[in-house]
Amino acid sequence: MMDKLKELLNKDKKMSNLVLIAILLIIVLISTGYIWGDEEKQVSSNNVLSNNGNNIQFNDGYDLEKKLSNIISKIEGVESAEVMISYSTTERIIPVYDVKEDINTVKENVKESTKTTTEKTVAYESKDGSKIAIVESKETAAAVGAIVVVSGEVSDDVSEDIKEAISFATSVPIHKIQIFIN
């Protein structure tokens, strides 16, 4: 089979060029599909970038609520506690961008004009065969209030201690923290 193919390609140079171009085109299509497909998988599997690629979002508030619930339930008189913190904004991480800038100067007779083209793409670093966005800065979410539901024998002094603990951990003013006894 290979011998017949070689004979056919040797006889007709135009045919051999077309076959070679077709093979190269197939290789290019497969490799670009692999490269773009790999980047999309990385973004969606890590849930790191938003659809427009401008920010990266995480939800660390849930961990803080769990930690505060555990700590408050250890206060004397409190049997169990549930904490909910409300935020005015979401947490955002701003990635580093690779900026490619092309400056073209065109001279026409006496006038000279300059055209600048800028292209921004998210910068990645490779770790263990996967791409991870490089982070420039992280904007934390602004906590604006908290609700705490506790069960047990909770006095007014204990309620004030709970408010102070939440305020200290979240920077929420004490007057924006509500304690409910179940």
C-alpha atoms as a PDB file:
ATOM      1  CA  MET A   1       0.000   0.000   0.000  1.00  0.00           C
ATOM      2  CA  MET A   2       2.783   2.428   0.960  1.00  0.00           C
ATOM      3  CA  ASP A   3       4.742   1.484  -2.164  1.00  0.00           C
ATOM      4  CA  LYS A   4       1.781   2.306  -4.408  1.00  0.00           C
ATOM      5  CA  LEU A   5       1.333   5.648  -2.628  1.00  0.00           C
ATOM      6  CA  LYS A   6       5.027   6.492  -3.090  1.00  0.00           C
ATOM      7  CA  GLU A   7       4.849   5.616  -6.800  1.00  0.00           C
ATOM      8  CA  LEU A   8       1.760   7.769  -7.285  1.00  0.00           C
ATOM      9  CA  LEU A   9       3.369  10.736  -5.485  1.00  0.00           C
ATOM     10  CA  ASN A  10       6.642  10.406  -7.434  1.00  0.00           C
ATOM     11  CA  LYS A  11       4.821  10.404 -10.805  1.00  0.00           C
ATOM     12  CA  ASP A  12       2.731  13.508 -10.180  1.00  0.00           C
ATOM     13  CA  LYS A  13       4.410  16.389  -8.274  1.00  0.00           C
ATOM     14  CA  LYS A  14       1.192  18.440  -8.104  1.00  0.00           C
ATOM     15  CA  MET A  15      -0.599  15.553  -6.436  1.00  0.00           C
ATOM     16  CA  SER A  16       2.236  15.071  -3.942  1.00  0.00           C
ATOM     17  CA  ASN A  17       2.150  18.761  -3.036  1.00  0.00           C
ATOM     18  CA  LEU A  18      -1.618  18.630  -2.489  1.00  0.00           C
ATOM     19  CA  VAL A  19      -1.312  15.536  -0.294  1.00  0.00           C
ATOM     20  CA  LEU A  20       1.469  17.165   1.721  1.00  0.00           C
ATOM     21  CA  ILE A  21      -0.592  20.350   2.183  1.00  0.00           C
ATOM     22  CA  ALA A  22      -3.636  18.300   3.229  1.00  0.00           C
ATOM     23  CA  ILE A  23      -1.586  16.377   5.806  1.00  0.00           C
ATOM     24  CA  LEU A  24      -0.088  19.599   7.216  1.00  0.00           C
ATOM     25  CA  LEU A  25      -3.541  21.190   7.384  1.00  0.00           C
ATOM     26  CA  ILE A  26      -4.910  18.224   9.306  1.00  0.00           C
ATOM     27  CA  ILE A  27      -1.988  18.385  11.761  1.00  0.00           C
ATOM     28  CA  VAL A  28      -2.497  22.136  12.277  1.00  0.00           C
ATOM     29  CA  LEU A  29      -6.242  21.714  12.876  1.00  0.00           C
ATOM     30  CA  ILE A  30      -5.721  18.920  15.380  1.00  0.00           C
ATOM     31  CA  SER A  31      -3.004  20.806  17.263  1.00  0.00           C
ATOM     32  CA  THR A  32      -4.984  24.066  17.475  1.00  0.00           C
ATOM     33  CA  GLY A  33      -8.049  22.155  18.653  1.00  0.00           C
ATOM     34  CA  TYR A  34      -5.914  20.507  21.307  1.00  0.00           C
ATOM     35  CA  ILE A  35      -4.365  23.797  22.437  1.00  0.00           C
ATOM     36  CA  TRP A  36      -7.639  25.763  22.583  1.00  0.00           C
ATOM     37  CA  GLY A  37      -9.560  22.832  24.022  1.00  0.00           C
ATOM     38  CA  ASP A  38      -6.956  22.417  26.789  1.00  0.00           C
ATOM     39  CA  GLU A  39      -7.226  26.106  27.775  1.00  0.00           C
ATOM     40  CA  GLU A  40     -11.016  25.971  27.900  1.00  0.00           C
ATOM     41  CA  LYS A  41     -10.923  22.824  30.034  1.00  0.00           C
ATOM     42  CA  GLN A  42      -8.518  24.479  32.448  1.00  0.00           C
ATOM     43  CA  VAL A  43     -10.681  27.565  32.835  1.00  0.00           C
ATOM     44  CA  SER A  44     -13.927  25.669  33.298  1.00  0.00           C
ATOM     45  CA  SER A  45     -12.525  22.874  35.477  1.00  0.00           C
ATOM     46  CA  ASN A  46     -10.940  25.256  37.954  1.00  0.00           C
ATOM     47  CA  ASN A  47     -13.838  27.724  37.651  1.00  0.00           C
ATOM     48  CA  VAL A  48     -11.206  30.415  37.865  1.00  0.00           C
ATOM     49  CA  LEU A  49     -12.031  32.918  35.149  1.00  0.00           C
ATOM     50  CA  SER A  50     -15.375  34.499  34.505  1.00  0.00           C
ATOM     51  CA  ASN A  51     -16.854  34.355  30.992  1.00  0.00           C
ATOM     52  CA  ASN A  52     -15.290  37.655  29.955  1.00  0.00           C
ATOM     53  CA  GLY A  53     -11.871  36.766  31.395  1.00  0.00           C
ATOM     54  CA  ASN A  54     -11.655  39.965  33.449  1.00  0.00           C
ATOM     55  CA  ASN A  55     -11.772  38.552  36.933  1.00  0.00           C
ATOM     56  CA  ILE A  56     -11.433  35.443  38.971  1.00  0.00           C
ATOM     57  CA  GLN A  57     -13.951  34.735  41.679  1.00  0.00           C
ATOM     58  CA  PHE A  58     -13.699  32.638  44.817  1.00  0.00           C
ATOM     59  CA  ASN A  59     -16.043  32.142  47.764  1.00  0.00           C
ATOM     60  CA  ASP A  60     -14.068  32.211  51.007  1.00  0.00           C
ATOM     61  CA  GLY A  61     -17.035  33.675  52.944  1.00  0.00           C
ATOM     62  CA  TYR A  62     -18.498  30.222  53.476  1.00  0.00           C
ATOM     63  CA  ASP A  63     -15.324  29.074  55.274  1.00  0.00           C
ATOM     64  CA  LEU A  64     -15.414  32.148  57.507  1.00  0.00           C
ATOM     65  CA  GLU A  65     -19.041  31.474  58.423  1.00  0.00           C
ATOM     66  CA  LYS A  66     -18.222  27.857  59.336  1.00  0.00           C
ATOM     67  CA  LYS A  67     -15.227  28.920  61.450  1.00  0.00           C
ATOM     68  CA  LEU A  68     -17.260  31.558  63.284  1.00  0.00           C
ATOM     69  CA  SER A  69     -20.076  29.052  63.923  1.00  0.00           C
ATOM     70  CA  ASN A  70     -17.580  26.631  65.466  1.00  0.00           C
ATOM     71  CA  ILE A  71     -15.976  29.312  67.640  1.00  0.00           C
ATOM     72  CA  ILE A  72     -19.290  30.758  68.845  1.00  0.00           C
ATOM     73  CA  SER A  73     -20.611  27.305  69.756  1.00  0.00           C
ATOM     74  CA  LYS A  74     -17.646  27.004  72.175  1.00  0.00           C
ATOM     75  CA  ILE A  75     -18.746  30.072  74.171  1.00  0.00           C
ATOM     76  CA  GLU A  76     -20.204  29.203  77.568  1.00  0.00           C
ATOM     77  CA  GLY A  77     -23.979  28.819  77.389  1.00  0.00           C
ATOM     78  CA  VAL A  78     -24.101  28.365  73.609  1.00  0.00           C
ATOM     79  CA  GLU A  79     -24.965  24.847  72.457  1.00  0.00           C
ATOM     80  CA  SER A  80     -24.865  25.467  68.708  1.00  0.00           C
ATOM     81  CA  ALA A  81     -24.532  28.434  66.377  1.00  0.00           C
ATOM     82  CA  GLU A  82     -25.153  29.262  62.735  1.00  0.00           C
ATOM     83  CA  VAL A  83     -23.618  32.380  61.164  1.00  0.00           C
ATOM     84  CA  MET A  84     -24.544  34.131  57.933  1.00  0.00           C
ATOM     85  CA  ILE A  85     -22.500  37.094  56.704  1.00  0.00           C
ATOM     86  CA  SER A  86     -23.833  39.409  53.996  1.00  0.00           C
ATOM     87  CA  TYR A  87     -21.487  41.124  51.574  1.00  0.00           C
ATOM     88  CA  SER A  88     -21.892  44.269  49.503  1.00  0.00           C
ATOM     89  CA  THR A  89     -19.559  43.012  46.771  1.00  0.00           C
ATOM     90  CA  THR A  90     -18.085  39.736  45.643  1.00  0.00           C
ATOM     91  CA  GLU A  91     -14.480  38.771  46.065  1.00  0.00           C
ATOM     92  CA  ARG A  92     -12.429  39.392  42.940  1.00  0.00           C
ATOM     93  CA  ILE A  93      -8.995  38.374  41.797  1.00  0.00           C
ATOM     94  CA  ILE A  94      -7.388  40.409  39.027  1.00  0.00           C
ATOM     95  CA  PRO A  95      -5.042  38.418  36.780  1.00  0.00           C
ATOM     96  CA  VAL A  96      -1.839  39.607  35.164  1.00  0.00           C
ATOM     97  CA  TYR A  97      -2.218  40.322  31.449  1.00  0.00           C
ATOM     98  CA  ASP A  98       0.283  39.799  28.657  1.00  0.00           C
ATOM     99  CA  VAL A  99       0.046  42.961  26.581  1.00  0.00           C
ATOM    100  CA  LYS A 100       1.194  42.884  22.977  1.00  0.00           C
ATOM    101  CA  GLU A 101       1.423  46.296  21.378  1.00  0.00           C
ATOM    102  CA  ASP A 102       2.177  46.901  17.705  1.00  0.00           C
ATOM    103  CA  ILE A 103       3.050  50.418  16.553  1.00  0.00           C
ATOM    104  CA  ASN A 104       3.030  51.051  12.826  1.00  0.00           C
ATOM    105  CA  THR A 105       4.218  54.325  11.341  1.00  0.00           C
ATOM    106  CA  VAL A 106       3.049  55.184   7.837  1.00  0.00           C
ATOM    107  CA  LYS A 107       4.543  58.043   5.826  1.00  0.00           C
ATOM    108  CA  GLU A 108       2.440  59.439   3.034  1.00  0.00           C
ATOM    109  CA  ASN A 109       4.071  62.316   1.151  1.00  0.00           C
ATOM    110  CA  VAL A 110       4.292  64.997   3.869  1.00  0.00           C
ATOM    111  CA  LYS A 111       2.023  63.497   6.538  1.00  0.00           C
ATOM    112  CA  GLU A 112       3.037  60.783   8.962  1.00  0.00           C
ATOM    113  CA  SER A 113       0.489  58.696  10.861  1.00  0.00           C
ATOM    114  CA  THR A 114       0.896  56.128  13.598  1.00  0.00           C
ATOM    115  CA  LYS A 115      -1.424  53.206  14.233  1.00  0.00           C
ATOM    116  CA  THR A 116      -1.230  51.364  17.560  1.00  0.00           C
ATOM    117  CA  THR A 117      -2.760  47.934  18.083  1.00  0.00           C
ATOM    118  CA  THR A 118      -2.993  46.466  21.594  1.00  0.00           C
ATOM    119  CA  GLU A 119      -3.875  42.868  22.449  1.00  0.00           C
ATOM    120  CA  LYS A 120      -4.451  41.710  26.059  1.00  0.00           C
ATOM    121  CA  THR A 121      -4.447  38.059  27.100  1.00  0.00           C
ATOM    122  CA  VAL A 122      -4.395  36.521  30.564  1.00  0.00           C
ATOM    123  CA  ALA A 123      -0.904  35.410  31.601  1.00  0.00           C
ATOM    124  CA  TYR A 124      -0.585  31.795  32.687  1.00  0.00           C
ATOM    125  CA  GLU A 125       2.127  29.787  34.360  1.00  0.00           C
ATOM    126  CA  SER A 126       2.466  26.052  33.960  1.00  0.00           C
ATOM    127  CA  LYS A 127       2.474  23.861  37.033  1.00  0.00           C
ATOM    128  CA  ASP A 128       2.484  20.087  36.755  1.00  0.00           C
ATOM    129  CA  GLY A 129       1.239  20.205  33.169  1.00  0.00           C
ATOM    130  CA  SER A 130      -1.705  22.524  33.853  1.00  0.00           C
ATOM    131  CA  LYS A 131      -2.113  26.249  33.270  1.00  0.00           C
ATOM    132  CA  ILE A 132      -2.829  28.541  36.221  1.00  0.00           C
ATOM    133  CA  ALA A 133      -3.589  32.244  35.857  1.00  0.00           C
ATOM    134  CA  ILE A 134      -0.996  34.556  37.417  1.00  0.00           C
ATOM    135  CA  VAL A 135      -2.688  36.803  40.005  1.00  0.00           C
ATOM    136  CA  GLU A 136      -1.888  40.520  40.200  1.00  0.00           C
ATOM    137  CA  SER A 137      -4.124  41.389  43.153  1.00  0.00           C
ATOM    138  CA  LYS A 138      -7.043  40.090  45.175  1.00  0.00           C
ATOM    139  CA  GLU A 139      -9.923  42.340  46.179  1.00  0.00           C
ATOM    140  CA  THR A 140     -11.695  40.984  49.235  1.00  0.00           C
ATOM    141  CA  ALA A 141     -15.454  41.156  49.574  1.00  0.00           C
ATOM    142  CA  ALA A 142     -16.835  43.844  51.905  1.00  0.00           C
ATOM    143  CA  ALA A 143     -18.869  42.359  54.753  1.00  0.00           C
ATOM    144  CA  VAL A 144     -21.776  44.632  55.718  1.00  0.00           C
ATOM    145  CA  GLY A 145     -23.837  42.615  58.176  1.00  0.00           C
ATOM    146  CA  ALA A 146     -24.231  39.338  60.042  1.00  0.00           C
ATOM    147  CA  ILE A 147     -27.005  37.174  61.420  1.00  0.00           C
ATOM    148  CA  VAL A 148     -26.288  34.651  64.169  1.00  0.00           C
ATOM    149  CA  VAL A 149     -28.754  32.012  65.348  1.00  0.00           C
ATOM    150  CA  VAL A 150     -27.748  30.350  68.612  1.00  0.00           C
ATOM    151  CA  SER A 151     -29.369  27.750  70.808  1.00  0.00           C
ATOM    152  CA  GLY A 152     -28.783  27.309  74.504  1.00  0.00           C
ATOM    153  CA  GLU A 153     -28.873  29.490  77.585  1.00  0.00           C
ATOM    154  CA  VAL A 154     -27.615  32.769  76.121  1.00  0.00           C
ATOM    155  CA  SER A 155     -27.579  35.841  78.367  1.00  0.00           C
ATOM    156  CA  ASP A 156     -27.330  39.462  77.231  1.00  0.00           C
ATOM    157  CA  ASP A 157     -23.620  39.480  78.139  1.00  0.00           C
ATOM    158  CA  VAL A 158     -23.008  36.407  75.977  1.00  0.00           C
ATOM    159  CA  SER A 159     -24.928  38.054  73.094  1.00  0.00           C
ATOM    160  CA  GLU A 160     -22.654  41.085  73.369  1.00  0.00           C
ATOM    161  CA  ASP A 161     -19.582  38.807  73.415  1.00  0.00           C
ATOM    162  CA  ILE A 162     -20.832  37.107  70.241  1.00  0.00           C
ATOM    163  CA  LYS A 163     -21.388  40.479  68.541  1.00  0.00           C
ATOM    164  CA  GLU A 164     -17.876  41.616  69.510  1.00  0.00           C
ATOM    165  CA  ALA A 165     -16.346  38.376  68.204  1.00  0.00           C
ATOM    166  CA  ILE A 166     -18.166  38.672  64.859  1.00  0.00           C
ATOM    167  CA  SER A 167     -17.288  42.355  64.588  1.00  0.00           C
ATOM    168  CA  PHE A 168     -13.628  41.645  65.302  1.00  0.00           C
ATOM    169  CA  ALA A 169     -13.432  38.829  62.737  1.00  0.00           C
ATOM    170  CA  THR A 170     -15.361  40.578  59.932  1.00  0.00           C
ATOM    171  CA  SER A 171     -14.987  44.335  60.600  1.00  0.00           C
ATOM    172  CA  VAL A 172     -18.788  44.604  60.578  1.00  0.00           C
ATOM    173  CA  PRO A 173     -20.039  47.293  63.007  1.00  0.00           C
ATOM    174  CA  ILE A 174     -21.705  45.825  66.107  1.00  0.00           C
ATOM    175  CA  HIS A 175     -25.010  47.559  65.337  1.00  0.00           C
ATOM    176  CA  LYS A 176     -25.196  45.580  62.054  1.00  0.00           C
ATOM    177  CA  ILE A 177     -25.003  42.174  63.775  1.00  0.00           C
ATOM    178  CA  GLN A 178     -28.247  40.489  64.832  1.00  0.00           C
ATOM    179  CA  ILE A 179     -28.381  37.648  67.397  1.00  0.00           C
ATOM    180  CA  PHE A 180     -31.385  35.318  67.440  1.00  0.00           C
ATOM    181  CA  ILE A 181     -31.905  32.719  70.147  1.00  0.00           C
ATOM    182  CA  ASN A 182     -33.519  29.483  69.062  1.00  0.00           C
END
